[in-house]
Amino acid sequence: MANEVSRPVVKSVRQVEPLENLIETVWPGVFSPFITRQATQPQIAHIDVLDHDDAFVLKAEIAGVDKDKLDVQVHGNQVYISGVKEEDSSREEGNYIYRERRYGEFSRTVQLPADVNGDQTKATYKDGVLELTLPKTEAAKRKKIAIS
């Protein structure tokens, strides 16, 4: 197990610290503005970037976003992804017991290690994953050097 990589533990439920819990019993709702703001800001969950000889491949999880609500721009070595995740308007009446899903506008800028050719970038969106194939500029491509 020498090659084991330590990964941070991701908790899907917001943990309430003991001090917060104590303060909430004295002043109910004192932390609500902070919790509400956090819960309503959508975000792109995860992005992977692969480096191939001729191109970078960027994959972004953007589940629940209509592809018509996405905007992808490339400039030099930067990729800008933005969009809007709209709340389902057909929800049944009732009160939420727990709510983690986020809605609204989001954006993300990814800086690549080299310039790419934005005119030749290809984008596909399937099953909540946006995949961009970003061809490197001629100057950024790896070149094999012959040794004499």
C-alpha atoms as a PDB file:
ATOM      1  CA  MET A   1       0.000   0.000   0.000  1.00  0.00           C
ATOM      2  CA  ALA A   2       2.953   2.315  -0.564  1.00  0.00           C
ATOM      3  CA  ASN A   3       1.250   3.911  -3.588  1.00  0.00           C
ATOM      4  CA  GLU A   4      -1.941   4.760  -1.696  1.00  0.00           C
ATOM      5  CA  VAL A   5      -3.033   8.362  -2.145  1.00  0.00           C
ATOM      6  CA  SER A   6      -4.590  10.167   0.777  1.00  0.00           C
ATOM      7  CA  ARG A   7      -7.890  11.778  -0.216  1.00  0.00           C
ATOM      8  CA  PRO A   8      -9.822  14.340   1.783  1.00  0.00           C
ATOM      9  CA  VAL A   9     -13.051  13.122   3.296  1.00  0.00           C
ATOM     10  CA  VAL A  10     -16.047  14.840   1.715  1.00  0.00           C
ATOM     11  CA  LYS A  11     -19.105  15.129   3.898  1.00  0.00           C
ATOM     12  CA  SER A  12     -22.376  15.643   2.082  1.00  0.00           C
ATOM     13  CA  VAL A  13     -24.169  16.894   5.178  1.00  0.00           C
ATOM     14  CA  ARG A  14     -23.147  20.192   6.773  1.00  0.00           C
ATOM     15  CA  GLN A  15     -21.763  19.368  10.196  1.00  0.00           C
ATOM     16  CA  VAL A  16     -22.904  21.617  13.023  1.00  0.00           C
ATOM     17  CA  GLU A  17     -20.124  22.377  15.476  1.00  0.00           C
ATOM     18  CA  PRO A  18     -20.927  21.893  19.175  1.00  0.00           C
ATOM     19  CA  LEU A  19     -20.533  25.655  19.842  1.00  0.00           C
ATOM     20  CA  GLU A  20     -22.894  26.475  16.954  1.00  0.00           C
ATOM     21  CA  ASN A  21     -25.390  23.999  18.378  1.00  0.00           C
ATOM     22  CA  LEU A  22     -25.192  25.627  21.815  1.00  0.00           C
ATOM     23  CA  ILE A  23     -25.614  29.144  20.376  1.00  0.00           C
ATOM     24  CA  GLU A  24     -28.566  27.950  18.235  1.00  0.00           C
ATOM     25  CA  THR A  25     -30.361  26.822  21.416  1.00  0.00           C
ATOM     26  CA  VAL A  26     -29.961  30.315  22.945  1.00  0.00           C
ATOM     27  CA  TRP A  27     -30.528  32.369  19.735  1.00  0.00           C
ATOM     28  CA  PRO A  28     -32.423  30.218  17.229  1.00  0.00           C
ATOM     29  CA  GLY A  29     -31.723  31.107  13.601  1.00  0.00           C
ATOM     30  CA  VAL A  30     -28.569  33.143  14.269  1.00  0.00           C
ATOM     31  CA  PHE A  31     -26.659  31.086  11.657  1.00  0.00           C
ATOM     32  CA  SER A  32     -29.538  30.858   9.147  1.00  0.00           C
ATOM     33  CA  PRO A  33     -28.377  33.708   6.860  1.00  0.00           C
ATOM     34  CA  PHE A  34     -25.029  31.959   6.383  1.00  0.00           C
ATOM     35  CA  ILE A  35     -26.544  28.534   5.781  1.00  0.00           C
ATOM     36  CA  THR A  36     -29.146  29.872   3.327  1.00  0.00           C
ATOM     37  CA  ARG A  37     -26.558  31.794   1.293  1.00  0.00           C
ATOM     38  CA  GLN A  38     -24.362  28.702   1.024  1.00  0.00           C
ATOM     39  CA  ALA A  39     -27.248  26.454   0.012  1.00  0.00           C
ATOM     40  CA  THR A  40     -28.478  28.711  -2.792  1.00  0.00           C
ATOM     41  CA  GLN A  41     -25.157  29.231  -4.608  1.00  0.00           C
ATOM     42  CA  PRO A  42     -24.802  26.577  -7.320  1.00  0.00           C
ATOM     43  CA  GLN A  43     -21.417  25.269  -8.226  1.00  0.00           C
ATOM     44  CA  ILE A  44     -19.801  22.915 -10.677  1.00  0.00           C
ATOM     45  CA  ALA A  45     -19.008  19.820  -8.672  1.00  0.00           C
ATOM     46  CA  HIS A  46     -15.838  18.436 -10.227  1.00  0.00           C
ATOM     47  CA  ILE A  47     -13.542  19.075 -13.184  1.00  0.00           C
ATOM     48  CA  ASP A  48     -10.941  16.724 -14.668  1.00  0.00           C
ATOM     49  CA  VAL A  49      -8.322  17.867 -17.192  1.00  0.00           C
ATOM     50  CA  LEU A  50      -6.317  15.340 -19.203  1.00  0.00           C
ATOM     51  CA  ASP A  51      -3.146  16.264 -21.106  1.00  0.00           C
ATOM     52  CA  HIS A  52      -2.721  14.470 -24.434  1.00  0.00           C
ATOM     53  CA  ASP A  53       0.059  15.139 -26.964  1.00  0.00           C
ATOM     54  CA  ASP A  54      -2.117  17.302 -29.237  1.00  0.00           C
ATOM     55  CA  ALA A  55      -4.965  18.429 -26.981  1.00  0.00           C
ATOM     56  CA  PHE A  56      -6.343  18.848 -23.488  1.00  0.00           C
ATOM     57  CA  VAL A  57      -9.610  17.133 -22.578  1.00  0.00           C
ATOM     58  CA  LEU A  58     -11.678  18.839 -19.894  1.00  0.00           C
ATOM     59  CA  LYS A  59     -14.622  17.049 -18.291  1.00  0.00           C
ATOM     60  CA  ALA A  60     -16.997  18.933 -15.979  1.00  0.00           C
ATOM     61  CA  GLU A  61     -19.891  17.489 -13.984  1.00  0.00           C
ATOM     62  CA  ILE A  62     -22.831  19.826 -14.479  1.00  0.00           C
ATOM     63  CA  ALA A  63     -25.815  17.643 -13.684  1.00  0.00           C
ATOM     64  CA  GLY A  64     -29.269  19.123 -14.046  1.00  0.00           C
ATOM     65  CA  VAL A  65     -28.286  21.999 -16.351  1.00  0.00           C
ATOM     66  CA  ASP A  66     -29.911  22.325 -19.776  1.00  0.00           C
ATOM     67  CA  LYS A  67     -27.202  22.516 -22.479  1.00  0.00           C
ATOM     68  CA  ASP A  68     -28.921  25.621 -23.886  1.00  0.00           C
ATOM     69  CA  LYS A  69     -28.190  27.347 -20.543  1.00  0.00           C
ATOM     70  CA  LEU A  70     -24.417  26.715 -20.800  1.00  0.00           C
ATOM     71  CA  ASP A  71     -21.827  29.174 -22.132  1.00  0.00           C
ATOM     72  CA  VAL A  72     -18.294  27.981 -22.908  1.00  0.00           C
ATOM     73  CA  GLN A  73     -15.556  30.385 -23.997  1.00  0.00           C
ATOM     74  CA  VAL A  74     -11.857  29.850 -24.690  1.00  0.00           C
ATOM     75  CA  HIS A  75      -9.195  32.539 -24.674  1.00  0.00           C
ATOM     76  CA  GLY A  76      -5.493  31.693 -24.849  1.00  0.00           C
ATOM     77  CA  ASN A  77      -4.995  29.119 -22.108  1.00  0.00           C
ATOM     78  CA  GLN A  78      -8.200  29.861 -20.184  1.00  0.00           C
ATOM     79  CA  VAL A  79     -11.528  28.072 -20.409  1.00  0.00           C
ATOM     80  CA  TYR A  80     -14.579  29.880 -19.043  1.00  0.00           C
ATOM     81  CA  ILE A  81     -17.714  27.836 -18.280  1.00  0.00           C
ATOM     82  CA  SER A  82     -20.899  29.488 -17.057  1.00  0.00           C
ATOM     83  CA  GLY A  83     -24.562  28.694 -16.973  1.00  0.00           C
ATOM     84  CA  VAL A  84     -27.823  28.662 -15.111  1.00  0.00           C
ATOM     85  CA  LYS A  85     -29.323  25.774 -13.184  1.00  0.00           C
ATOM     86  CA  GLU A  86     -33.039  26.417 -12.913  1.00  0.00           C
ATOM     87  CA  GLU A  87     -35.203  25.094 -10.118  1.00  0.00           C
ATOM     88  CA  ASP A  88     -37.808  22.523 -11.071  1.00  0.00           C
ATOM     89  CA  SER A  89     -41.057  24.480 -11.178  1.00  0.00           C
ATOM     90  CA  SER A  90     -43.199  21.343 -11.091  1.00  0.00           C
ATOM     91  CA  ARG A  91     -42.356  20.400  -7.504  1.00  0.00           C
ATOM     92  CA  GLU A  92     -45.143  19.154  -5.296  1.00  0.00           C
ATOM     93  CA  GLU A  93     -46.472  21.388  -2.549  1.00  0.00           C
ATOM     94  CA  GLY A  94     -44.967  20.797   0.848  1.00  0.00           C
ATOM     95  CA  ASN A  95     -42.191  21.916   3.141  1.00  0.00           C
ATOM     96  CA  TYR A  96     -38.606  20.854   2.663  1.00  0.00           C
ATOM     97  CA  ILE A  97     -37.139  18.753   5.440  1.00  0.00           C
ATOM     98  CA  TYR A  98     -33.678  18.810   3.894  1.00  0.00           C
ATOM     99  CA  ARG A  99     -32.333  20.616   0.825  1.00  0.00           C
ATOM    100  CA  GLU A 100     -28.863  20.248  -0.725  1.00  0.00           C
ATOM    101  CA  ARG A 101     -29.545  20.837  -4.429  1.00  0.00           C
ATOM    102  CA  ARG A 102     -28.480  24.291  -5.583  1.00  0.00           C
ATOM    103  CA  TYR A 103     -29.926  26.559  -8.256  1.00  0.00           C
ATOM    104  CA  GLY A 104     -29.001  29.782 -10.019  1.00  0.00           C
ATOM    105  CA  GLU A 105     -26.074  31.098 -12.010  1.00  0.00           C
ATOM    106  CA  PHE A 106     -22.590  29.611 -11.807  1.00  0.00           C
ATOM    107  CA  SER A 107     -19.236  30.151 -13.481  1.00  0.00           C
ATOM    108  CA  ARG A 108     -15.834  28.548 -13.469  1.00  0.00           C
ATOM    109  CA  THR A 109     -12.542  29.532 -15.101  1.00  0.00           C
ATOM    110  CA  VAL A 110      -9.875  26.902 -15.673  1.00  0.00           C
ATOM    111  CA  GLN A 111      -6.324  27.884 -16.554  1.00  0.00           C
ATOM    112  CA  LEU A 112      -4.531  25.322 -18.723  1.00  0.00           C
ATOM    113  CA  PRO A 113      -0.738  24.926 -18.801  1.00  0.00           C
ATOM    114  CA  ALA A 114      -0.564  25.957 -22.491  1.00  0.00           C
ATOM    115  CA  ASP A 115      -2.527  27.905 -25.096  1.00  0.00           C
ATOM    116  CA  VAL A 116      -5.257  26.134 -27.058  1.00  0.00           C
ATOM    117  CA  ASN A 117      -6.919  26.734 -30.397  1.00  0.00           C
ATOM    118  CA  GLY A 118     -10.406  27.913 -29.457  1.00  0.00           C
ATOM    119  CA  ASP A 119     -11.696  27.759 -33.048  1.00  0.00           C
ATOM    120  CA  GLN A 120     -11.129  23.993 -33.178  1.00  0.00           C
ATOM    121  CA  THR A 121     -12.497  23.187 -29.710  1.00  0.00           C
ATOM    122  CA  LYS A 122     -15.198  20.504 -29.662  1.00  0.00           C
ATOM    123  CA  ALA A 123     -17.849  20.275 -26.943  1.00  0.00           C
ATOM    124  CA  THR A 124     -20.264  17.482 -26.071  1.00  0.00           C
ATOM    125  CA  TYR A 125     -22.762  17.267 -23.216  1.00  0.00           C
ATOM    126  CA  LYS A 126     -24.111  13.887 -22.176  1.00  0.00           C
ATOM    127  CA  ASP A 127     -25.519  12.535 -18.897  1.00  0.00           C
ATOM    128  CA  GLY A 128     -24.643  15.720 -16.997  1.00  0.00           C
ATOM    129  CA  VAL A 129     -20.989  15.762 -18.115  1.00  0.00           C
ATOM    130  CA  LEU A 130     -19.622  18.511 -20.349  1.00  0.00           C
ATOM    131  CA  GLU A 131     -16.584  17.305 -22.300  1.00  0.00           C
ATOM    132  CA  LEU A 132     -14.323  19.745 -24.128  1.00  0.00           C
ATOM    133  CA  THR A 133     -11.544  18.679 -26.491  1.00  0.00           C
ATOM    134  CA  LEU A 134      -9.176  21.636 -26.671  1.00  0.00           C
ATOM    135  CA  PRO A 135      -6.477  21.277 -29.377  1.00  0.00           C
ATOM    136  CA  LYS A 136      -3.132  22.776 -28.384  1.00  0.00           C
ATOM    137  CA  THR A 137      -1.618  25.502 -30.520  1.00  0.00           C
ATOM    138  CA  GLU A 138       1.316  24.403 -32.695  1.00  0.00           C
ATOM    139  CA  ALA A 139       3.765  26.142 -30.344  1.00  0.00           C
ATOM    140  CA  ALA A 140       2.325  24.313 -27.316  1.00  0.00           C
ATOM    141  CA  LYS A 141       2.466  20.790 -28.779  1.00  0.00           C
ATOM    142  CA  ARG A 142       5.176  18.417 -27.602  1.00  0.00           C
ATOM    143  CA  LYS A 143       7.824  17.758 -30.186  1.00  0.00           C
ATOM    144  CA  LYS A 144      10.060  14.713 -30.304  1.00  0.00           C
ATOM    145  CA  ILE A 145      13.704  15.650 -30.604  1.00  0.00           C
ATOM    146  CA  ALA A 146      15.981  13.300 -32.535  1.00  0.00           C
ATOM    147  CA  ILE A 147      19.253  12.579 -30.829  1.00  0.00           C
ATOM    148  CA  SER A 148      22.277  12.263 -33.106  1.00  0.00           C
END
